[in-house]
N, C-alpha and C. Protein backbone atom coordinates (compact mmCIF):
# COMPACT_ATOMS: atom_id res chain seq x y z
N MET A 1 0.78 -1.04 -0.14
CA MET A 1 -0.23 -0.01 0.61
C MET A 1 1.05 1.22 -0.12
N PHE A 2 2.08 0.98 0.99
CA PHE A 2 3.19 2.29 0.92
C PHE A 2 3.35 3.13 -0.04
N LYS A 3 4.66 1.71 -0.78
CA LYS A 3 4.95 2.43 -2.48
C LYS A 3 4.00 2.21 -3.45
N ALA A 4 2.90 1.19 -2.68
CA ALA A 4 1.79 1.86 -4.25
C ALA A 4 1.72 3.22 -4.83
N LEU A 5 1.90 3.80 -2.86
CA LEU A 5 0.66 5.28 -3.32
C LEU A 5 2.56 6.21 -4.00
N GLY A 6 3.13 5.50 -2.93
CA GLY A 6 4.12 6.57 -4.03
C GLY A 6 4.32 6.52 -5.62
N ALA A 7 4.31 5.23 -5.74
CA ALA A 7 3.78 4.77 -7.76
C ALA A 7 2.98 5.62 -8.20
N HIS A 8 1.82 5.79 -7.57
CA HIS A 8 0.68 6.29 -8.28
C HIS A 8 1.17 7.57 -8.54
N TRP A 9 2.05 8.92 -6.87
CA TRP A 9 2.52 9.90 -7.13
C TRP A 9 3.06 9.77 -7.91
N GLN A 10 3.65 9.08 -8.21
CA GLN A 10 5.34 9.28 -9.61
C GLN A 10 4.32 9.43 -10.78
N HIS A 11 3.17 8.60 -10.78
CA HIS A 11 1.97 8.14 -12.10
C HIS A 11 1.31 9.53 -12.40
N ASN A 12 0.86 10.10 -11.38
CA ASN A 12 0.31 11.14 -10.94
C ASN A 12 0.40 12.25 -9.92
N PRO A 13 1.79 13.30 -10.50
CA PRO A 13 2.76 14.18 -9.97
C PRO A 13 0.99 15.10 -8.96
N ARG A 14 0.10 15.35 -9.76
CA ARG A 14 -1.08 16.24 -9.61
C ARG A 14 -1.54 16.15 -8.08
N HIS A 15 -1.62 14.38 -8.20
CA HIS A 15 -2.19 13.67 -6.15
C HIS A 15 -1.40 13.30 -5.55
N ALA A 16 -0.06 14.39 -5.58
CA ALA A 16 0.69 14.44 -4.60
C ALA A 16 0.04 15.18 -3.49
N PRO A 17 0.77 14.83 -2.05
CA PRO A 17 0.54 16.47 -1.35
C PRO A 17 1.70 17.54 -1.28
N GLU A 18 1.36 19.15 -1.15
CA GLU A 18 2.78 19.84 -1.33
C GLU A 18 2.13 19.85 0.68
N PRO A 19 4.02 19.41 1.31
CA PRO A 19 4.02 20.34 2.18
C PRO A 19 4.61 21.04 2.52
N THR A 20 3.02 21.58 3.54
CA THR A 20 3.10 22.40 3.99
C THR A 20 4.26 23.44 4.82
N ARG A 21 4.40 25.03 5.29
CA ARG A 21 5.72 25.15 5.18
C ARG A 21 5.76 24.93 7.18
N ARG A 22 5.51 24.76 8.08
CA ARG A 22 5.71 24.17 8.94
C ARG A 22 6.37 22.42 8.52
N GLN A 23 6.09 21.58 7.84
CA GLN A 23 5.90 20.09 7.65
C GLN A 23 7.00 19.83 7.13
N ARG A 24 7.41 21.16 6.12
CA ARG A 24 8.99 20.77 5.53
C ARG A 24 9.70 21.80 6.69
N GLU A 25 9.57 22.34 7.55
CA GLU A 25 9.84 22.83 9.22
C GLU A 25 10.55 21.70 9.37
N ILE A 26 10.04 21.06 10.10
CA ILE A 26 9.77 19.62 11.00
C ILE A 26 10.95 18.29 9.69
N LEU A 27 10.84 18.53 8.88
CA LEU A 27 11.48 17.88 7.46
C LEU A 27 12.72 18.02 7.95
N THR A 28 13.05 19.45 7.49
CA THR A 28 14.23 19.75 7.84
C THR A 28 14.86 19.49 8.95
N GLY A 29 14.48 19.89 10.38
CA GLY A 29 15.07 18.82 11.91
C GLY A 29 14.57 18.00 11.90
N LEU A 30 14.20 16.61 10.79
CA LEU A 30 15.09 15.78 10.67
C LEU A 30 15.28 15.18 10.73
N LEU A 31 16.08 15.98 9.05
CA LEU A 31 17.25 15.68 8.10
C LEU A 31 18.61 15.78 8.94
N PHE A 32 18.35 18.02 9.47
CA PHE A 32 19.36 18.29 9.94
C PHE A 32 19.46 17.10 11.15
N GLY A 33 19.31 16.26 12.03
CA GLY A 33 19.50 15.21 13.22
C GLY A 33 19.58 13.87 12.88
N GLY A 34 19.95 13.96 11.33
CA GLY A 34 19.49 12.27 11.21
C GLY A 34 19.07 11.26 10.65
N GLY A 35 18.07 12.11 9.80
CA GLY A 35 17.30 11.04 8.85
C GLY A 35 18.02 11.60 7.74
N ALA A 36 17.57 11.17 7.15
CA ALA A 36 17.79 10.91 5.06
C ALA A 36 16.60 10.75 3.96
N TYR A 37 17.60 11.65 2.76
CA TYR A 37 16.37 12.28 2.02
C TYR A 37 17.14 10.47 1.26
N THR A 38 16.39 10.61 0.19
CA THR A 38 16.36 8.96 -0.08
C THR A 38 15.93 8.65 -1.58
N GLY A 39 15.74 8.20 -2.32
CA GLY A 39 15.31 7.66 -3.72
C GLY A 39 15.85 8.70 -4.58
N PRO A 40 14.95 8.60 -5.96
CA PRO A 40 15.36 9.25 -6.97
C PRO A 40 15.15 11.05 -6.79
N LEU A 41 15.76 12.08 -7.54
CA LEU A 41 16.01 13.29 -7.87
C LEU A 41 13.77 13.84 -8.08
N SER A 42 13.79 13.05 -8.93
CA SER A 42 12.25 13.02 -9.48
C SER A 42 11.26 12.53 -8.50
N THR A 43 11.30 11.84 -7.32
CA THR A 43 10.31 11.35 -6.49
C THR A 43 11.10 10.96 -5.38
N PRO A 44 11.49 12.05 -4.67
CA PRO A 44 12.25 12.10 -3.18
C PRO A 44 11.24 11.48 -2.04
N SER A 45 12.09 11.03 -1.13
CA SER A 45 11.46 10.46 0.35
C SER A 45 11.60 10.68 1.72
N VAL A 46 11.41 11.01 2.70
CA VAL A 46 12.10 10.75 3.80
C VAL A 46 12.50 9.43 4.82
N GLN A 47 13.24 9.46 5.73
CA GLN A 47 13.38 8.84 6.46
C GLN A 47 13.96 8.67 7.58
N ALA A 48 13.46 8.37 8.95
CA ALA A 48 14.60 8.95 9.76
C ALA A 48 14.45 8.15 10.50
N THR A 49 15.24 7.89 11.77
CA THR A 49 14.35 7.39 12.85
C THR A 49 14.36 7.94 14.56
N VAL A 50 13.65 7.80 15.18
CA VAL A 50 13.31 7.94 16.80
C VAL A 50 13.32 7.20 17.57
N LYS A 51 13.83 7.54 19.47
CA LYS A 51 13.49 6.26 20.25
C LYS A 51 12.30 6.57 21.14
N ASN A 52 11.67 7.36 20.88
CA ASN A 52 10.74 7.48 21.25
C ASN A 52 8.98 7.96 20.90
N GLU A 53 8.45 7.25 21.52
CA GLU A 53 7.14 6.82 21.34
C GLU A 53 5.73 7.90 21.00
N ARG A 54 6.67 8.84 22.77
CA ARG A 54 5.31 10.45 22.15
C ARG A 54 5.28 11.08 20.67
N LEU A 55 7.00 11.07 20.70
CA LEU A 55 7.81 11.63 20.23
C LEU A 55 7.45 10.95 18.08
N ALA A 56 7.47 9.42 17.95
CA ALA A 56 6.92 9.64 16.75
C ALA A 56 5.30 9.10 16.45
N GLU A 57 4.74 10.17 17.69
CA GLU A 57 3.53 9.55 17.32
C GLU A 57 3.40 11.06 17.34
N TRP A 58 3.87 12.06 17.30
CA TRP A 58 3.44 13.51 17.01
C TRP A 58 3.68 13.46 15.45
N LEU A 59 4.85 13.31 15.48
CA LEU A 59 5.54 12.73 14.22
C LEU A 59 4.53 12.62 12.76
N GLU A 60 3.51 11.85 13.64
CA GLU A 60 2.61 10.76 12.65
C GLU A 60 1.85 11.41 12.39
N THR A 61 1.08 12.43 13.77
CA THR A 61 0.05 13.72 13.29
C THR A 61 0.67 14.50 12.40
N GLU A 62 1.44 15.60 13.00
CA GLU A 62 2.26 16.55 12.40
C GLU A 62 2.15 16.29 10.50
N LEU A 63 2.41 14.71 10.03
CA LEU A 63 3.01 14.28 8.60
C LEU A 63 2.11 13.88 8.70
N ASP A 64 1.07 13.87 8.01
CA ASP A 64 0.15 12.72 8.08
C ASP A 64 -0.40 13.00 6.63
N SER A 65 -1.27 14.63 6.33
CA SER A 65 -1.74 15.09 4.87
C SER A 65 -0.43 14.72 3.68
N LEU A 66 1.45 14.02 4.37
CA LEU A 66 2.28 13.86 3.53
C LEU A 66 2.21 11.87 3.37
N LYS A 67 0.88 11.18 3.93
CA LYS A 67 1.06 10.58 4.45
C LYS A 67 1.85 9.73 5.21
N VAL A 68 3.15 9.70 5.46
CA VAL A 68 4.30 9.20 6.99
C VAL A 68 3.93 7.74 7.18
N ASN A 69 4.65 7.38 6.99
CA ASN A 69 4.24 5.90 7.33
C ASN A 69 5.36 5.83 9.29
N VAL A 70 5.05 5.41 10.29
CA VAL A 70 5.51 4.50 11.68
C VAL A 70 5.52 3.27 11.20
N ARG A 71 6.98 2.77 11.28
CA ARG A 71 7.08 1.11 11.44
C ARG A 71 7.72 0.95 12.85
N VAL A 72 7.60 0.01 13.46
CA VAL A 72 8.38 0.05 15.28
C VAL A 72 8.57 -1.50 15.08
N ASP A 73 10.44 -1.43 15.92
CA ASP A 73 11.10 -2.63 15.27
C ASP A 73 11.96 -2.75 16.94
N GLY A 74 11.67 -2.98 17.82
CA GLY A 74 11.75 -2.79 18.94
C GLY A 74 11.90 -1.79 20.18
N GLU A 75 12.09 -1.03 19.85
CA GLU A 75 12.27 0.33 20.82
C GLU A 75 12.21 1.61 20.15
N THR A 76 12.70 1.16 18.53
CA THR A 76 13.05 1.69 17.64
C THR A 76 12.18 2.17 16.48
N TYR A 77 11.27 3.27 16.57
CA TYR A 77 10.83 3.59 16.02
C TYR A 77 11.30 4.59 13.62
N TYR A 78 10.95 3.65 12.89
CA TYR A 78 11.35 4.43 11.96
C TYR A 78 9.80 4.79 11.00
N ILE A 79 10.29 5.99 10.74
CA ILE A 79 10.12 7.31 9.88
C ILE A 79 9.91 7.54 8.69
N SER A 80 9.13 7.77 7.69
CA SER A 80 9.27 7.40 6.46
C SER A 80 8.25 8.35 5.30
N THR A 81 8.47 8.88 4.10
CA THR A 81 6.82 9.47 3.94
C THR A 81 7.36 8.65 2.20
N PRO A 82 6.33 8.47 1.73
CA PRO A 82 6.13 7.64 0.47
C PRO A 82 6.50 9.02 -0.49
N SER A 83 7.72 7.57 -1.64
CA SER A 83 8.53 8.70 -2.36
C SER A 83 7.41 9.67 -2.90
N ASN A 84 7.84 11.51 -3.62
CA ASN A 84 6.81 12.05 -3.68
C ASN A 84 7.19 12.62 -4.45
N PRO A 85 7.49 13.32 -5.42
CA PRO A 85 7.70 14.72 -6.68
C PRO A 85 6.82 15.77 -5.92
N ALA A 86 6.41 15.62 -5.23
CA ALA A 86 5.59 17.14 -4.66
C ALA A 86 7.46 18.50 -3.68
N LEU A 87 7.98 16.93 -3.08
CA LEU A 87 9.63 17.35 -2.01
C LEU A 87 10.58 17.42 -3.11
N LYS A 88 9.97 17.04 -4.85
CA LYS A 88 11.79 17.78 -5.19
C LYS A 88 11.82 19.08 -5.11
N PRO A 89 11.39 19.83 -5.70
CA PRO A 89 12.19 21.37 -5.45
C PRO A 89 12.40 21.87 -3.70
N TYR A 90 11.93 20.63 -2.65
CA TYR A 90 12.36 21.51 -2.32
C TYR A 90 14.17 20.81 -1.91
N PHE A 91 14.23 19.26 -1.76
CA PHE A 91 14.96 18.77 -2.05
C PHE A 91 16.23 18.00 -3.03
N GLN A 92 16.12 19.08 -4.51
CA GLN A 92 16.30 19.25 -5.25
C GLN A 92 18.31 19.72 -5.46
N ASN A 93 18.73 20.32 -4.21
CA ASN A 93 19.58 20.89 -4.08
C ASN A 93 19.84 20.45 -2.45
N TRP A 94 19.38 19.12 -2.09
CA TRP A 94 19.50 18.63 -0.28
C TRP A 94 21.04 18.05 -0.63
N TYR A 95 21.60 17.59 -1.48
CA TYR A 95 23.12 15.79 -1.95
C TYR A 95 23.04 16.90 -3.26
N SER A 96 24.60 17.43 -2.55
CA SER A 96 25.00 18.21 -4.34
C SER A 96 26.25 18.37 -4.44
N LYS A 97 26.65 18.92 -4.99
CA LYS A 97 28.07 18.92 -5.51
C LYS A 97 29.19 20.07 -4.80
N GLN A 98 28.08 20.39 -3.36
CA GLN A 98 28.31 21.99 -2.49
C GLN A 98 28.39 21.47 -1.18
N GLU A 99 29.48 22.15 -0.43
CA GLU A 99 30.75 21.36 0.86
C GLU A 99 29.28 20.06 1.45
N GLU A 100 27.98 20.91 1.01
CA GLU A 100 27.26 20.61 2.95
C GLU A 100 26.21 20.74 1.85
N PRO A 101 25.39 19.19 2.78
CA PRO A 101 24.24 19.20 2.02
C PRO A 101 23.11 20.64 1.96
N ARG A 102 22.38 20.83 1.98
CA ARG A 102 21.29 21.64 2.52
C ARG A 102 19.96 22.39 1.78
N PRO A 103 18.81 22.06 2.35
CA PRO A 103 17.65 22.11 1.41
C PRO A 103 17.46 23.73 1.45
N PRO A 104 17.02 23.57 0.11
CA PRO A 104 17.19 25.83 -0.98
C PRO A 104 16.29 26.24 -0.50
N ASN A 105 14.72 26.06 0.14
CA ASN A 105 13.51 26.53 0.42
C ASN A 105 13.60 26.91 1.68
N THR A 106 14.73 26.51 3.09
CA THR A 106 14.77 26.65 4.19
C THR A 106 16.03 27.84 4.53
N SER A 107 16.50 29.02 4.41
CA SER A 107 17.56 29.35 4.89
C SER A 107 17.65 30.88 5.85
N GLU A 108 17.07 30.08 6.90
CA GLU A 108 16.65 30.56 8.35
C GLU A 108 16.51 29.29 8.97
N LEU A 109 16.75 29.89 9.58
CA LEU A 109 16.78 28.37 10.95
C LEU A 109 15.55 28.96 11.86
N THR A 110 14.36 28.64 12.18
CA THR A 110 13.74 28.65 13.34
C THR A 110 13.42 28.58 14.60
N PRO A 111 12.77 27.92 15.14
CA PRO A 111 12.73 27.27 16.51
C PRO A 111 11.71 26.15 16.07
N LEU A 112 11.63 26.05 15.76
CA LEU A 112 10.60 24.12 15.10
C LEU A 112 11.72 23.40 14.23
N VAL A 113 12.54 24.14 13.50
CA VAL A 113 13.91 23.41 13.27
C VAL A 113 14.74 22.98 13.91
N ALA A 114 15.05 23.86 15.04
CA ALA A 114 15.71 23.27 15.83
C ALA A 114 15.03 22.76 17.28
N LYS A 115 13.95 22.97 17.33
CA LYS A 115 13.10 21.78 18.52
C LYS A 115 13.06 20.24 18.14
N VAL A 116 12.93 20.23 16.44
CA VAL A 116 12.93 18.99 16.27
C VAL A 116 14.01 18.54 15.78
N TRP A 117 14.75 19.56 15.39
CA TRP A 117 16.64 18.04 15.79
C TRP A 117 17.01 18.31 17.22
N PHE A 118 16.91 19.31 18.10
CA PHE A 118 17.19 18.86 19.97
C PHE A 118 16.85 17.14 20.21
N ALA A 119 15.18 17.27 19.29
CA ALA A 119 14.57 16.43 19.94
C ALA A 119 14.59 14.64 19.41
N VAL A 120 15.39 15.09 18.21
CA VAL A 120 15.85 13.19 17.14
C VAL A 120 17.47 13.51 17.81
N ASN A 121 17.99 13.92 17.58
CA ASN A 121 19.15 13.29 17.85
C ASN A 121 20.43 14.69 18.60
N GLY A 122 19.57 15.24 20.27
CA GLY A 122 20.25 16.38 21.45
C GLY A 122 20.36 15.98 22.44
N HIS A 123 20.60 16.25 23.06
CA HIS A 123 21.27 15.99 24.77
C HIS A 123 21.35 16.90 25.39
N ALA A 124 21.40 16.81 27.09
CA ALA A 124 21.95 17.52 27.56
C ALA A 124 23.41 17.04 27.97
N LYS A 125 24.97 17.58 28.92
CA LYS A 125 25.58 17.17 29.13
C LYS A 125 26.54 18.70 30.35
N ASN A 126 26.57 17.49 31.46
CA ASN A 126 27.24 19.13 32.11
C ASN A 126 26.85 20.14 31.69
N GLY A 127 25.52 20.03 31.26
CA GLY A 127 24.69 21.53 30.90
C GLY A 127 24.85 22.10 29.44
N ALA A 128 25.28 21.79 28.64
CA ALA A 128 25.74 22.11 28.01
C ALA A 128 24.73 21.70 26.97
N ILE A 129 24.19 22.32 25.71
CA ILE A 129 22.87 21.36 24.71
C ILE A 129 24.23 20.62 23.62
N HIS A 130 23.69 19.57 23.56
CA HIS A 130 24.65 18.94 22.21
C HIS A 130 23.38 18.37 21.57
N LEU A 131 23.70 19.06 19.77
CA LEU A 131 23.20 19.12 19.02
C LEU A 131 24.11 18.05 17.69
N ARG A 132 23.97 16.57 18.11
CA ARG A 132 24.22 15.66 16.87
C ARG A 132 24.19 15.32 15.65
N ALA A 133 25.07 16.12 14.10
CA ALA A 133 24.51 16.13 12.96
C ALA A 133 24.13 14.51 12.40
N SER A 134 22.96 14.80 11.44
CA SER A 134 22.96 13.52 10.35
C SER A 134 24.41 13.35 9.78
N TYR A 135 24.67 11.93 9.79
CA TYR A 135 25.74 11.36 8.93
C TYR A 135 26.14 11.66 7.65
N ALA A 136 25.06 13.06 7.10
CA ALA A 136 25.75 13.37 5.86
C ALA A 136 26.14 14.53 5.47
N VAL A 137 26.55 15.26 6.78
CA VAL A 137 26.62 16.89 7.06
C VAL A 137 28.94 16.17 7.57
N ARG A 138 29.28 16.61 6.78
CA ARG A 138 30.46 16.20 7.07
C ARG A 138 30.90 17.47 7.41
N ASN A 139 30.77 19.07 7.18
CA ASN A 139 31.21 19.82 7.98
C ASN A 139 30.13 20.76 8.82
N LEU A 140 30.12 21.52 9.67
CA LEU A 140 29.13 21.97 10.23
C LEU A 140 28.77 23.32 10.06
N GLY A 141 30.18 24.64 9.07
CA GLY A 141 29.86 25.06 9.65
C GLY A 141 28.38 26.80 9.14
N TRP A 142 28.42 25.63 8.05
CA TRP A 142 26.32 26.42 7.22
C TRP A 142 25.64 26.09 8.12
N HIS A 143 25.38 25.02 9.29
CA HIS A 143 24.21 24.91 10.27
C HIS A 143 24.95 26.20 11.21
N ARG A 144 26.09 25.96 12.01
CA ARG A 144 26.59 27.28 12.32
C ARG A 144 26.10 28.17 12.44
N GLU A 145 26.04 29.04 11.41
CA GLU A 145 25.84 30.23 10.44
C GLU A 145 24.53 30.66 10.73
N LEU A 146 23.81 29.34 10.48
CA LEU A 146 22.14 29.84 10.80
C LEU A 146 21.93 29.59 12.50
N PHE A 147 22.67 29.21 13.43
CA PHE A 147 22.61 29.56 14.80
C PHE A 147 22.74 31.33 15.10
N ARG A 148 24.23 31.91 14.32
CA ARG A 148 24.22 32.77 14.66
C ARG A 148 23.65 33.55 14.45
N GLU A 149 22.71 33.34 13.36
CA GLU A 149 21.59 34.15 12.23
C GLU A 149 20.97 34.93 13.70
N VAL A 150 20.77 34.04 14.34
CA VAL A 150 19.73 34.25 15.34
C VAL A 150 19.92 34.45 16.66
N GLY A 151 21.99 34.24 16.70
CA GLY A 151 21.75 34.73 18.61
C GLY A 151 23.00 33.53 19.52
N PHE A 152 22.49 33.33 18.27
CA PHE A 152 23.80 31.84 19.36
C PHE A 152 25.58 31.56 18.72
N ASN A 153 26.26 31.38 18.99
CA ASN A 153 27.27 30.33 18.65
C ASN A 153 28.01 28.97 19.65
N PRO A 154 27.82 28.40 19.02
CA PRO A 154 27.98 27.19 19.76
C PRO A 154 29.44 26.44 18.58
N TRP A 155 29.53 25.88 19.34
CA TRP A 155 31.35 25.01 19.29
C TRP A 155 30.82 24.39 18.31
N ARG A 156 31.75 24.03 17.30
CA ARG A 156 31.26 22.67 16.28
C ARG A 156 32.64 21.84 16.65
N GLU A 157 31.85 20.44 17.08
CA GLU A 157 33.17 19.15 17.22
C GLU A 157 32.20 18.37 16.85
N ASN A 158 32.76 18.60 15.39
CA ASN A 158 31.93 17.52 14.19
C ASN A 158 31.71 16.60 14.91
N PRO A 159 31.03 16.05 14.52
CA PRO A 159 29.35 16.03 14.19
C PRO A 159 28.76 16.45 14.80
N THR A 160 28.76 17.45 16.04
CA THR A 160 28.05 17.77 16.73
C THR A 160 28.49 19.07 16.99
N LEU A 161 27.36 20.13 17.11
CA LEU A 161 27.26 21.89 17.58
C LEU A 161 26.88 22.10 18.98
N VAL A 162 27.82 22.74 19.87
CA VAL A 162 27.34 22.12 21.18
C VAL A 162 27.40 23.58 21.89
N PHE A 163 26.99 23.88 22.52
CA PHE A 163 25.84 25.61 22.67
C PHE A 163 26.65 25.62 24.70
N PRO A 164 27.75 25.78 25.08
CA PRO A 164 27.70 26.24 26.12
C PRO A 164 26.73 26.43 27.04
N VAL A 165 26.94 25.98 28.71
CA VAL A 165 26.35 26.58 29.54
C VAL A 165 25.20 28.07 29.91
N GLU A 166 26.72 28.69 28.89
CA GLU A 166 25.45 30.08 29.02
C GLU A 166 25.04 30.32 27.85
N GLN A 167 24.69 29.42 27.43
CA GLN A 167 23.73 29.49 26.41
C GLN A 167 22.88 28.77 25.62
N ALA A 168 23.16 27.97 26.79
CA ALA A 168 22.08 26.79 26.43
C ALA A 168 20.40 26.82 27.33
N LYS A 169 19.79 27.70 28.30
CA LYS A 169 18.82 27.75 28.19
C LYS A 169 18.39 28.82 27.53
N GLU A 170 19.12 29.93 27.39
CA GLU A 170 18.69 30.51 26.20
C GLU A 170 18.28 30.39 25.30
N LEU A 171 18.89 28.87 24.44
CA LEU A 171 18.60 28.43 22.91
C LEU A 171 17.11 27.75 23.68
N LEU A 172 16.60 26.62 25.34
CA LEU A 172 15.18 26.64 24.99
C LEU A 172 14.35 27.31 25.39
N ASP A 173 14.76 28.84 25.35
CA ASP A 173 13.87 29.95 25.31
C ASP A 173 13.16 29.80 23.91
N TYR A 174 14.18 30.05 23.04
CA TYR A 174 14.57 30.78 22.08
C TYR A 174 13.36 29.39 21.42
N MET A 175 13.93 27.93 21.40
CA MET A 175 12.54 26.58 20.73
C MET A 175 11.63 27.29 21.51
N GLY A 176 10.88 27.28 22.35
CA GLY A 176 9.64 27.21 22.30
C GLY A 176 9.19 26.25 23.48
N GLU A 177 7.98 25.41 23.44
CA GLU A 177 7.37 24.54 23.85
C GLU A 177 8.73 23.22 23.67
N PRO A 178 8.66 22.13 24.68
CA PRO A 178 8.93 21.01 24.19
C PRO A 178 7.93 19.98 23.46
N LEU A 179 8.70 19.03 22.68
CA LEU A 179 7.84 18.73 22.06
C LEU A 179 7.96 17.36 22.60
N PRO A 180 6.44 16.53 22.05
CA PRO A 180 5.65 15.66 23.33
C PRO A 180 6.95 14.61 23.17
N GLY A 181 7.30 13.71 24.38
CA GLY A 181 8.07 13.09 24.75
C GLY A 181 9.57 13.70 25.28
N THR A 182 9.81 14.63 24.81
CA THR A 182 10.84 15.01 25.13
C THR A 182 11.50 16.23 26.26
N THR A 183 10.08 16.06 27.19
CA THR A 183 10.41 17.18 28.24
C THR A 183 11.20 16.38 29.24
N GLU A 184 10.81 15.32 29.72
CA GLU A 184 12.31 15.58 30.68
C GLU A 184 14.20 15.53 30.26
N GLU A 185 14.18 14.89 28.73
CA GLU A 185 15.53 16.10 28.64
C GLU A 185 15.35 17.44 29.04
N TRP A 186 14.79 17.98 28.54
CA TRP A 186 14.28 19.23 28.60
C TRP A 186 14.59 20.06 29.88
N GLU A 187 13.95 19.70 30.32
CA GLU A 187 13.85 19.71 32.16
C GLU A 187 15.52 19.59 33.07
N GLN A 188 15.83 18.55 31.92
CA GLN A 188 17.22 18.07 32.25
C GLN A 188 18.47 19.44 32.47
N VAL A 189 18.18 19.38 30.38
CA VAL A 189 19.35 20.50 30.23
C VAL A 189 19.03 22.45 31.01
N ARG A 190 17.09 22.57 31.73
CA ARG A 190 17.44 23.40 32.30
C ARG A 190 18.03 23.62 33.74
N SER A 191 17.99 22.63 34.53
CA SER A 191 18.33 22.23 35.67
C SER A 191 20.52 22.19 35.49
N ASN A 192 20.75 21.32 35.04
CA ASN A 192 22.00 21.41 34.79
C ASN A 192 21.99 22.90 34.67
N SER A 193 21.32 23.69 33.40
CA SER A 193 21.81 24.80 33.08
C SER A 193 22.31 25.78 34.65
N SER A 194 20.77 26.06 35.71
CA SER A 194 20.81 26.65 35.94
C SER A 194 21.77 25.78 37.60
N MET A 195 22.22 24.51 37.71
CA MET A 195 23.21 24.95 38.84
C MET A 195 24.73 25.68 37.78
N ASN A 196 25.13 25.65 36.85
CA ASN A 196 25.98 25.97 36.33
C ASN A 196 25.98 27.45 35.91
N VAL A 197 25.21 27.96 35.72
CA VAL A 197 25.36 29.25 35.75
C VAL A 197 26.12 29.93 37.02
C-alpha cells in the first residue's frame, strides 16, 4: 500500500500532497538531526528514526497529510514518507556538489527546526546542549552560521554543535515548548544550566 501510493504519485504528480511550511521545517529538523533524503530526485522521500514513542506519534500526526509511515522494531520507530514528486523542489539541492547538503527553501533557522533537531538527536551534558548532525553532514559550518544569525555561537565539534552552559537555557527559550516525549530531557537541560550558571 505504502509503495503503491508512492508509485501512484510518481505517475500522477498532481495527486501528490504539497508539504506545508510547518511540515518542511519538521522535515528539515529530521534531516539535520540524522534523517536521510532517499530515492531518485524525481520522487524523493525522507526517512528517519526516533527512540521515543510519543515523539513518533507527534511526527505521525504532524506529517499525516504527507501519508507518513511509522514502523516499530523493538524500541526504534522508523519514520518514512512515500516517494513524493512534490518534495522535489525542496530537496533538489539537498545532496549536491556543495560542501554541505542543505535544503534550498530554508534560508533561516526557525525554532521548530531547532526543536525537532534537539528532539531526535540532541542531549544535555554537563549543562551544555549537544546537537548531533546527520551522517550526511561533513562540515557544520553552514549550520553554525544559521544559529549565529539568531544570536547563538555554538562550538563546532563535528559532527556535533555544542551550546555551552551560558547559551543552553537561552536556546531552550528560543525553541519554546518541548515536543511530546522530550520534556524530561528539556528539564534536565534547564536544571543543569541553572546549577552551572
